[in-house]
Amino acid sequence: MLRKHVIIMSTMLITFLLSTMCIYAEDRPYLCEFGVQGGLSYYVGDAVPHIFMYPQYAAGGQFRYKFTPRWALQVKGQWQQIKYPAPDEQGVPVKDNMLKNQMINIDVVAEFNFFRFGQKQYDTRIKPITPYIFLGVGMGVYNDYSKVGAYMPFGFGMKWKFAPRWGLNIAWQHQLFFADNLENNPLYDNYPNEYKMNGSNILKNDLTSTLTLGIVFEFARQKAVCRRCQ
């Protein structure tokens, strides 16, 4: 009788341990994300002095690789349109005559999460929501795809993991171009006399920005520690 009880207890203990290890293995995070985003776009430069003036549309896709719950690398491709007043013969902006400029931006940024981000059940340090900041390098095709230039992408946002493999990202990203010719018009050289915009940032160059909402899907789960449970 005692032997029977020992066998039953041993079986239950082994089953419990194996199930615990399998649950732990299933709790491992996904390393990659793919998503799409859309939102608003605007420009600040010689023709426009303030943020969120003349907002237009932006849309794109993104890929993210997560090294740790805090650090990730994101590659993003994004189309955006900007709008600004055309200049008169003296280079003064005329708000009744508006111009539009389309561009495509591709950038690579490093992201830092303020909280350890994820959805692990057995690690209380992991949070399903976190603010984050990012900084990187990028290349843009602008002036209706007639010119190519480099820029520095930077900004901040918020991530929310609302399901085991799905999340939402809000990002306010800025592209500081290493150029001062997004307007594609020689008369804009007189705009700094009107708005003094060439002193608006450290590099004295044009800036475009996007405020977007994106949805992401996770894949490529991290390799399991317990090979028996795969």
Protein backbone atom coordinates (compact mmCIF):
# COMPACT_ATOMS: atom_id res chain seq x y z
CA MET A 1 0.00 0.00 0.00
CA LEU A 2 2.83 2.36 0.92
CA ARG A 3 4.62 1.50 -2.31
CA LYS A 4 1.51 2.36 -4.28
CA HIS A 5 1.26 5.75 -2.60
CA VAL A 6 4.93 6.44 -3.26
CA ILE A 7 4.47 5.64 -6.96
CA ILE A 8 1.41 7.88 -7.19
CA MET A 9 3.12 10.79 -5.42
CA SER A 10 6.25 10.42 -7.54
CA THR A 11 4.19 10.39 -10.73
CA MET A 12 2.30 13.51 -9.66
CA LEU A 13 5.53 15.30 -8.75
CA ILE A 14 7.20 14.46 -12.07
CA THR A 15 4.09 15.54 -13.97
CA PHE A 16 4.01 18.83 -12.06
CA LEU A 17 7.69 19.54 -12.72
CA LEU A 18 7.40 18.75 -16.42
CA SER A 19 4.29 20.91 -16.80
CA THR A 20 6.02 23.76 -14.99
CA MET A 21 9.02 23.54 -17.31
CA CYS A 22 6.75 23.45 -20.35
CA ILE A 23 4.83 26.49 -19.13
CA TYR A 24 8.15 28.28 -18.61
CA ALA A 25 9.21 27.33 -22.14
CA GLU A 26 5.94 28.62 -23.58
CA ASP A 27 6.45 31.85 -21.62
CA ARG A 28 9.61 32.75 -23.54
CA PRO A 29 9.36 35.95 -25.60
CA TYR A 30 9.24 36.49 -29.35
CA LEU A 31 12.31 38.16 -30.80
CA CYS A 32 10.91 39.81 -33.95
CA GLU A 33 8.02 42.05 -34.91
CA PHE A 34 6.51 43.15 -38.19
CA GLY A 35 3.93 45.90 -38.38
CA VAL A 36 2.30 48.76 -40.27
CA GLN A 37 1.61 52.33 -39.16
CA GLY A 38 -0.23 55.42 -40.31
CA GLY A 39 -0.86 58.93 -39.10
CA LEU A 40 -0.02 62.59 -39.58
CA SER A 41 2.99 64.28 -41.13
CA TYR A 42 4.24 67.87 -41.05
CA TYR A 43 7.30 69.97 -41.79
CA VAL A 44 9.19 72.76 -39.98
CA GLY A 45 11.68 74.83 -41.93
CA ASP A 46 12.12 78.05 -43.89
CA ALA A 47 8.45 78.07 -44.94
CA VAL A 48 6.70 76.82 -41.79
CA PRO A 49 7.68 78.07 -38.31
CA HIS A 50 5.60 75.84 -36.00
CA ILE A 51 4.91 72.15 -35.41
CA PHE A 52 1.65 70.58 -36.59
CA MET A 53 0.99 73.36 -39.12
CA TYR A 54 -0.59 72.09 -42.36
CA PRO A 55 -0.70 68.40 -41.33
CA GLN A 56 -0.72 65.77 -44.08
CA TYR A 57 -0.66 61.95 -44.23
CA ALA A 58 2.00 59.36 -43.45
CA ALA A 59 2.05 55.55 -43.77
CA GLY A 60 4.62 52.78 -43.74
CA GLY A 61 5.91 49.48 -42.38
CA GLN A 62 8.41 48.42 -39.76
CA PHE A 63 10.53 45.49 -38.61
CA ARG A 64 11.85 45.24 -35.07
CA TYR A 65 14.40 42.86 -33.50
CA LYS A 66 14.39 42.75 -29.69
CA PHE A 67 17.78 42.04 -28.11
CA THR A 68 16.52 42.34 -24.52
CA PRO A 69 13.31 43.55 -22.81
CA ARG A 70 14.92 47.03 -22.79
CA TRP A 71 16.78 47.28 -26.12
CA ALA A 72 15.61 46.78 -29.71
CA LEU A 73 16.62 47.66 -33.28
CA GLN A 74 13.97 48.91 -35.68
CA VAL A 75 14.04 49.27 -39.47
CA LYS A 76 11.26 51.47 -40.84
CA GLY A 77 10.16 52.51 -44.30
CA GLN A 78 7.67 55.37 -44.46
CA TRP A 79 5.93 57.54 -47.05
CA GLN A 80 4.92 61.03 -46.02
CA GLN A 81 3.62 64.23 -47.53
CA ILE A 82 4.32 67.78 -46.36
CA LYS A 83 2.51 71.02 -47.15
CA TYR A 84 3.78 74.61 -47.01
CA PRO A 85 3.07 78.08 -48.46
CA ALA A 86 4.60 79.01 -51.80
CA PRO A 87 6.81 82.15 -51.86
CA ASP A 88 6.07 85.31 -53.76
CA GLU A 89 8.71 87.10 -55.81
CA GLN A 90 10.28 88.53 -52.66
CA GLY A 91 10.44 85.12 -50.99
CA VAL A 92 7.62 85.87 -48.55
CA PRO A 93 5.26 82.95 -47.82
CA VAL A 94 1.79 83.28 -49.32
CA LYS A 95 -0.66 81.21 -47.30
CA ASP A 96 -3.30 81.31 -50.05
CA ASN A 97 -0.95 79.45 -52.40
CA MET A 98 0.06 76.10 -50.91
CA LEU A 99 2.57 73.55 -52.21
CA LYS A 100 2.93 69.84 -51.40
CA ASN A 101 6.01 67.63 -51.35
CA GLN A 102 6.08 63.85 -51.18
CA MET A 103 8.97 61.82 -49.78
CA ILE A 104 10.00 58.30 -48.81
CA ASN A 105 12.16 57.74 -45.72
CA ILE A 106 14.04 54.60 -44.70
CA ASP A 107 15.81 54.55 -41.34
CA VAL A 108 17.42 52.30 -38.75
CA VAL A 109 17.05 53.27 -35.09
CA ALA A 110 18.08 51.90 -31.71
CA GLU A 111 15.23 51.85 -29.17
CA PHE A 112 15.39 51.96 -25.38
CA ASN A 113 12.35 50.96 -23.31
CA PHE A 114 11.99 52.66 -19.93
CA PHE A 115 10.42 49.46 -18.52
CA ARG A 116 11.28 45.82 -19.17
CA PHE A 117 8.75 45.23 -21.93
CA GLY A 118 6.79 42.04 -22.63
CA GLN A 119 4.06 39.82 -21.26
CA LYS A 120 5.71 37.16 -19.10
CA GLN A 121 3.49 35.70 -16.43
CA TYR A 122 6.25 34.67 -14.05
CA ASP A 123 8.49 37.76 -14.12
CA THR A 124 6.98 40.71 -12.27
CA ARG A 125 9.58 43.05 -13.76
CA ILE A 126 8.10 42.62 -17.25
CA LYS A 127 5.44 45.21 -18.12
CA PRO A 128 2.92 45.10 -21.02
CA ILE A 129 3.22 48.87 -21.54
CA THR A 130 6.24 51.16 -21.66
CA PRO A 131 7.39 54.56 -22.96
CA TYR A 132 10.48 54.45 -25.16
CA ILE A 133 12.96 56.69 -26.97
CA PHE A 134 14.93 56.10 -30.17
CA LEU A 135 17.79 57.49 -32.25
CA GLY A 136 19.37 56.38 -35.52
CA VAL A 137 20.32 57.14 -39.12
CA GLY A 138 18.23 57.38 -42.27
CA MET A 139 18.04 58.19 -45.95
CA GLY A 140 15.20 60.09 -47.62
CA VAL A 141 14.02 60.61 -51.18
CA TYR A 142 12.27 64.00 -51.25
CA ASN A 143 11.17 66.92 -53.45
CA ASP A 144 8.68 64.56 -55.13
CA TYR A 145 11.38 61.88 -55.37
CA SER A 146 13.87 64.06 -57.25
CA LYS A 147 16.54 64.36 -54.53
CA VAL A 148 18.21 62.05 -52.01
CA GLY A 149 19.54 63.10 -48.61
CA ALA A 150 20.56 61.76 -45.24
CA TYR A 151 18.81 62.59 -42.00
CA MET A 152 18.91 61.78 -38.29
CA PRO A 153 15.71 60.13 -36.99
CA PHE A 154 14.87 60.55 -33.31
CA GLY A 155 11.83 60.70 -31.06
CA PHE A 156 9.80 58.93 -28.42
CA GLY A 157 6.63 56.87 -28.11
CA MET A 158 4.57 54.33 -26.22
CA LYS A 159 4.25 50.54 -26.66
CA TRP A 160 1.35 48.40 -25.48
CA LYS A 161 1.31 44.61 -25.74
CA PHE A 162 -2.42 43.83 -25.63
CA ALA A 163 -2.22 40.14 -26.64
CA PRO A 164 0.45 37.39 -26.56
CA ARG A 165 1.60 38.19 -30.13
CA TRP A 166 0.04 41.58 -30.86
CA GLY A 167 0.90 45.13 -29.83
CA LEU A 168 0.25 48.79 -30.51
CA ASN A 169 2.92 51.48 -30.95
CA ILE A 170 2.47 55.26 -30.85
CA ALA A 171 5.53 57.12 -32.14
CA TRP A 172 6.35 60.80 -32.60
CA GLN A 173 9.35 60.69 -34.92
CA HIS A 174 11.43 63.57 -36.28
CA GLN A 175 13.70 63.50 -39.32
CA LEU A 176 16.38 66.20 -39.06
CA PHE A 177 17.79 66.43 -42.59
CA PHE A 178 21.40 67.30 -43.26
CA ALA A 179 20.09 69.76 -45.85
CA ASP A 180 18.09 72.97 -46.07
CA ASN A 181 16.35 72.49 -49.41
CA LEU A 182 13.18 70.46 -48.81
CA GLU A 183 11.16 73.29 -50.37
CA ASN A 184 12.89 72.83 -53.76
CA ASN A 185 12.60 76.52 -54.66
CA PRO A 186 15.45 79.09 -54.82
CA LEU A 187 13.14 81.83 -53.54
CA TYR A 188 13.02 80.03 -50.20
CA ASP A 189 16.53 81.30 -49.54
CA ASN A 190 14.82 84.54 -48.47
CA TYR A 191 12.52 82.78 -45.99
CA PRO A 192 14.99 82.95 -43.07
CA ASN A 193 14.61 86.76 -43.23
CA GLU A 194 10.88 86.29 -42.64
CA TYR A 195 10.75 83.51 -40.00
CA LYS A 196 14.38 83.29 -38.78
CA MET A 197 14.04 79.51 -39.10
CA ASN A 198 17.71 78.83 -39.76
CA GLY A 199 18.25 79.21 -36.03
CA SER A 200 15.48 76.80 -35.06
CA ASN A 201 17.76 73.77 -34.52
CA ILE A 202 21.41 72.98 -33.91
CA LEU A 203 22.19 72.00 -37.50
CA LYS A 204 20.07 74.87 -38.93
CA ASN A 205 18.36 72.48 -41.35
CA ASP A 206 14.85 71.38 -42.33
CA LEU A 207 12.85 69.03 -40.14
CA THR A 208 9.96 66.73 -40.97
CA SER A 209 7.95 64.83 -38.38
CA THR A 210 5.31 62.10 -38.17
CA LEU A 211 2.87 61.15 -35.42
CA THR A 212 1.73 57.60 -36.13
CA LEU A 213 -0.20 54.69 -34.63
CA GLY A 214 1.02 51.22 -35.59
CA ILE A 215 0.01 47.62 -35.00
CA VAL A 216 2.67 44.88 -34.77
CA PHE A 217 2.69 41.08 -34.90
CA GLU A 218 5.41 39.11 -33.10
CA PHE A 219 7.17 36.01 -34.42
CA ALA A 220 10.40 33.98 -34.03
CA ARG A 221 10.06 32.87 -30.42
CA GLN A 222 13.25 32.78 -28.35
CA LYS A 223 14.93 29.39 -28.20
CA ALA A 224 13.59 27.27 -25.34
CA VAL A 225 15.82 26.46 -22.39
CA CYS A 226 14.06 23.10 -21.86
CA ARG A 227 14.67 21.09 -25.05
CA ARG A 228 12.38 18.30 -23.81
CA CYS A 229 9.39 20.65 -23.90
CA GLN A 230 9.81 21.87 -27.49
